[in-house]
Protein backbone atom coordinates (compact mmCIF):
# COMPACT_ATOMS: atom_id res chain seq x y z
CA UNK A 1 -14.36 -31.62 2.00
CA UNK A 2 -12.10 -35.24 2.18
CA UNK A 3 -12.34 -37.83 5.25
CA UNK A 4 -10.69 -41.02 4.88
CA UNK A 5 -10.85 -40.84 1.25
CA UNK A 6 -14.74 -39.85 1.32
CA UNK A 7 -16.10 -36.50 0.14
CA UNK A 8 -17.98 -34.80 2.70
CA UNK A 9 -20.22 -31.76 0.96
CA UNK A 10 -19.55 -28.38 2.70
CA UNK A 11 -20.85 -25.08 2.60
CA UNK A 12 -18.96 -22.49 4.07
CA UNK A 13 -20.89 -19.02 4.64
CA UNK A 14 -18.18 -16.27 5.39
CA UNK A 15 -19.12 -12.86 6.71
CA UNK A 16 -17.26 -9.67 4.82
CA UNK A 17 -14.94 -9.22 7.69
CA UNK A 18 -12.23 -11.57 9.59
CA UNK A 19 -14.90 -13.34 12.03
CA UNK A 20 -13.60 -14.88 15.38
CA UNK A 21 -16.74 -16.78 15.81
CA UNK A 22 -18.26 -19.61 14.10
CA UNK A 23 -21.59 -22.03 13.97
CA UNK A 24 -21.90 -25.50 12.88
CA UNK A 25 -24.47 -26.57 11.76
CA UNK A 26 -25.88 -30.11 12.27
CA UNK A 27 -28.95 -31.34 9.97
CA UNK A 28 -31.41 -33.62 11.10
CA UNK A 29 -32.22 -37.18 9.65
CA UNK A 30 -33.82 -37.99 6.43
CA UNK A 31 -36.66 -36.48 5.64
CA UNK A 32 -36.64 -33.83 8.36
CA UNK A 33 -33.48 -32.94 6.66
CA UNK A 34 -35.43 -31.76 3.89
CA UNK A 35 -37.59 -29.95 5.88
CA UNK A 36 -35.33 -28.11 7.67
CA UNK A 37 -33.12 -27.12 4.76
CA UNK A 38 -34.47 -23.77 3.92
CA UNK A 39 -34.50 -22.83 7.63
CA UNK A 40 -30.90 -23.91 7.75
CA UNK A 41 -29.85 -21.68 4.80
CA UNK A 42 -31.69 -18.94 6.27
CA UNK A 43 -30.51 -18.96 9.41
CA UNK A 44 -26.86 -18.96 8.16
CA UNK A 45 -27.43 -16.40 6.37
CA UNK A 46 -28.80 -14.13 9.21
CA UNK A 47 -25.85 -15.64 11.51
CA UNK A 48 -23.02 -14.59 8.95
CA UNK A 49 -25.12 -10.90 8.88
CA UNK A 50 -24.71 -10.79 12.26
CA UNK A 51 -20.59 -11.25 11.70
CA UNK A 52 -20.61 -15.40 12.27
CA UNK A 53 -18.81 -17.39 10.03
CA UNK A 54 -21.00 -20.49 9.15
CA UNK A 55 -20.89 -23.91 7.69
CA UNK A 56 -23.34 -26.18 6.99
CA UNK A 57 -22.51 -30.03 6.01
CA UNK A 58 -24.06 -32.95 4.58
CA UNK A 59 -23.54 -36.37 6.97
CA UNK A 60 -21.83 -39.19 5.06
CA UNK A 61 -25.03 -41.16 3.59
CA UNK A 62 -27.20 -38.21 2.79
CA UNK A 63 -27.16 -35.14 0.47
CA UNK A 64 -24.63 -34.55 -1.59
CA UNK A 65 -21.61 -36.48 0.51
CA UNK A 66 -20.62 -40.16 -0.16
CA UNK A 67 -22.19 -43.11 0.62
CA UNK A 68 -25.23 -44.23 0.53
CA UNK A 69 -27.98 -43.61 3.56
CA UNK A 70 -27.79 -47.77 4.98
CA UNK A 71 -24.03 -47.25 5.19
CA UNK A 72 -23.77 -44.41 7.84
CA UNK A 73 -24.33 -44.30 11.06
CA UNK A 74 -24.65 -42.61 13.96
CA UNK A 75 -20.46 -42.97 14.68
CA UNK A 76 -19.84 -41.81 11.08
CA UNK A 77 -22.26 -38.71 11.67
CA UNK A 78 -20.12 -37.74 14.69
CA UNK A 79 -17.02 -38.06 12.92
CA UNK A 80 -18.15 -36.06 10.21
CA UNK A 81 -19.33 -33.34 12.29
CA UNK A 82 -16.05 -33.18 14.25
CA UNK A 83 -14.45 -32.99 11.11
CA UNK A 84 -16.75 -29.72 10.14
CA UNK A 85 -14.89 -28.24 13.11
CA UNK A 86 -11.68 -28.90 12.27
CA UNK A 87 -12.33 -27.08 8.81
CA UNK A 88 -13.40 -24.29 10.23
CA UNK A 89 -10.53 -23.74 12.30
CA UNK A 90 -8.16 -24.57 9.39
CA UNK A 91 -10.24 -22.46 7.08
CA UNK A 92 -10.81 -19.46 8.83
CA UNK A 93 -7.31 -18.68 10.94
CA UNK A 94 -9.07 -15.68 13.29
CA UNK A 95 -11.74 -18.32 14.76
CA UNK A 96 -11.81 -18.71 18.03
CA UNK A 97 -14.89 -19.89 19.02
CA UNK A 98 -17.01 -22.35 17.84
CA UNK A 99 -20.63 -23.14 18.06
CA UNK A 100 -22.47 -26.35 17.34
CA UNK A 101 -26.31 -25.65 16.84
CA UNK A 102 -28.01 -29.02 15.61
CA UNK A 103 -32.22 -29.89 15.23
CA UNK A 104 -33.17 -33.08 16.08
CA UNK A 105 -31.23 -36.12 16.03
CA UNK A 106 -28.46 -33.47 14.62
CA UNK A 107 -28.92 -31.99 17.94
CA UNK A 108 -27.80 -35.15 19.47
CA UNK A 109 -24.99 -35.64 17.28
CA UNK A 110 -23.69 -32.18 17.74
CA UNK A 111 -23.87 -33.19 21.81
CA UNK A 112 -22.02 -36.19 21.13
CA UNK A 113 -19.07 -34.41 18.92
CA UNK A 114 -18.82 -31.87 21.22
CA UNK A 115 -18.47 -34.30 24.42
CA UNK A 116 -15.09 -35.63 22.10
CA UNK A 117 -13.89 -32.22 20.39
CA UNK A 118 -12.34 -30.03 22.90
CA UNK A 119 -12.27 -27.01 20.68
CA UNK A 120 -16.40 -26.65 20.70
CA UNK A 121 -17.25 -23.83 23.18
CA UNK A 122 -21.01 -23.90 22.96
CA UNK A 123 -24.13 -26.22 22.06
CA UNK A 124 -27.43 -24.91 21.13
CA UNK A 125 -29.77 -27.98 20.50
CA UNK A 126 -32.84 -26.96 19.43
CA UNK A 127 -35.76 -29.90 20.09
CA UNK A 128 -32.88 -32.75 20.64
CA UNK A 129 -33.59 -36.36 20.54
CA UNK A 130 -33.82 -36.82 24.32
CA UNK A 131 -33.89 -41.00 24.27
CA UNK A 132 -32.76 -42.50 21.15
CA UNK A 133 -34.86 -45.89 21.66
CA UNK A 134 -38.40 -43.86 21.69
CA UNK A 135 -36.72 -41.88 18.80
CA UNK A 136 -35.90 -45.24 16.87
CA UNK A 137 -39.09 -46.52 17.93
CA UNK A 138 -41.21 -43.72 16.08
CA UNK A 139 -38.65 -44.47 13.03
CA UNK A 140 -39.98 -47.79 13.05
CA UNK A 141 -43.55 -46.76 13.45
CA UNK A 142 -43.59 -44.79 10.22
CA UNK A 143 -42.85 -48.22 8.51
CA UNK A 144 -46.05 -49.51 10.09
CA UNK A 145 -48.22 -46.60 9.03
CA UNK A 146 -46.77 -47.17 5.25
CA UNK A 147 -48.01 -50.72 5.71
CA UNK A 148 -51.48 -49.70 6.76
CA UNK A 149 -51.66 -47.38 3.91
CA UNK A 150 -50.52 -50.22 1.49
CA UNK A 151 -52.02 -53.15 2.90
CA UNK A 152 -54.73 -51.70 5.16
CA UNK A 153 -52.95 -53.83 7.57
CA UNK A 154 -49.71 -54.67 9.19
CA UNK A 155 -47.90 -57.21 7.71
CA UNK A 156 -45.05 -57.21 9.50
CA UNK A 157 -45.12 -55.75 13.58
CA UNK A 158 -42.84 -53.86 15.05
CA UNK A 159 -40.94 -57.01 16.12
CA UNK A 160 -40.74 -58.53 12.85
CA UNK A 161 -38.58 -55.50 11.51
CA UNK A 162 -36.42 -55.57 14.64
CA UNK A 163 -35.39 -58.81 13.98
CA UNK A 164 -34.99 -57.99 10.37
CA UNK A 165 -32.65 -55.31 11.26
CA UNK A 166 -30.67 -57.91 13.75
CA UNK A 167 -30.04 -59.94 10.57
CA UNK A 168 -28.58 -57.65 8.66
CA UNK A 169 -30.99 -56.86 6.75
CA UNK A 170 -32.82 -53.32 6.14
CA UNK A 171 -36.01 -51.75 6.57
CA UNK A 172 -37.37 -48.80 4.78
CA UNK A 173 -38.37 -46.00 6.36
CA UNK A 174 -39.96 -43.26 3.92
CA UNK A 175 -37.56 -44.27 1.24
CA UNK A 176 -34.55 -44.30 3.27
CA UNK A 177 -33.19 -47.92 4.00
CA UNK A 178 -32.19 -48.40 7.88
CA UNK A 179 -29.66 -51.04 8.94
CA UNK A 180 -28.66 -52.08 11.64
CA UNK A 181 -25.73 -50.11 12.94
CA UNK A 182 -27.61 -46.87 12.58
CA UNK A 183 -30.51 -48.61 14.58
CA UNK A 184 -28.79 -49.78 17.63
CA UNK A 185 -26.39 -46.79 18.36
CA UNK A 186 -29.16 -44.36 17.89
CA UNK A 187 -31.56 -46.70 20.31
CA UNK A 188 -28.44 -46.69 22.86
CA UNK A 189 -28.13 -42.72 23.20
CA UNK A 190 -29.38 -40.87 26.03
CA UNK A 191 -28.64 -36.92 25.67
CA UNK A 192 -28.64 -36.66 29.61
CA UNK A 193 -25.40 -39.10 29.85
CA UNK A 194 -23.79 -37.18 26.66
CA UNK A 195 -23.84 -33.65 28.28
CA UNK A 196 -22.09 -34.83 31.60
CA UNK A 197 -19.41 -35.24 29.14
CA UNK A 198 -19.19 -31.55 28.24
CA UNK A 199 -18.15 -29.00 29.76
CA UNK A 200 -19.35 -25.72 27.49
CA UNK A 201 -22.55 -24.22 27.65
CA UNK A 202 -25.18 -25.47 26.51
CA UNK A 203 -28.77 -24.22 25.10
CA UNK A 204 -31.82 -26.79 24.86
CA UNK A 205 -34.25 -24.91 22.73
CA UNK A 206 -38.02 -26.70 22.57
CA UNK A 207 -40.87 -25.09 20.70
């Protein structure tokens, strides 16, 4: 799909007959996306077998979509999700009901997108990021763990990493270059606040 001149990779799983219900799947971020890929493909096939139309997509900055990881942020991911919902309606005129299903940060992105897109009926949030600041502190911890493994000590502590981000530099997290916009936008995210703006049904799943 094309979004403002940039390509967003989409995989649309369609049932044999016309579907009235659709599910849009929102992947988690970075390495968690790789771990979840096979599960999402299997889930999409299972849902198609039950008569749903299912759309999977790669956020810009990840997978086969345009941009480098450091050039995408929370806002672009929300835009991509809203585009995915529009794509379902445009490509399948029989669709009347769309559910957003997201995992980890993808669940939080789905919630934010649903609060903006009036045609989303339901949310399924699978182990969502509830507090973005706690989540991003955990992401930075991965860099500290790498430093310990490589140098047997921490060369740059968390404050130093945050200072680098504030200065416009990137911080490597398991091979992904984290930049300031994504860090700050996710850090400010609060799921409870976002869900107040969504009037549809919500199911939170935590295992």
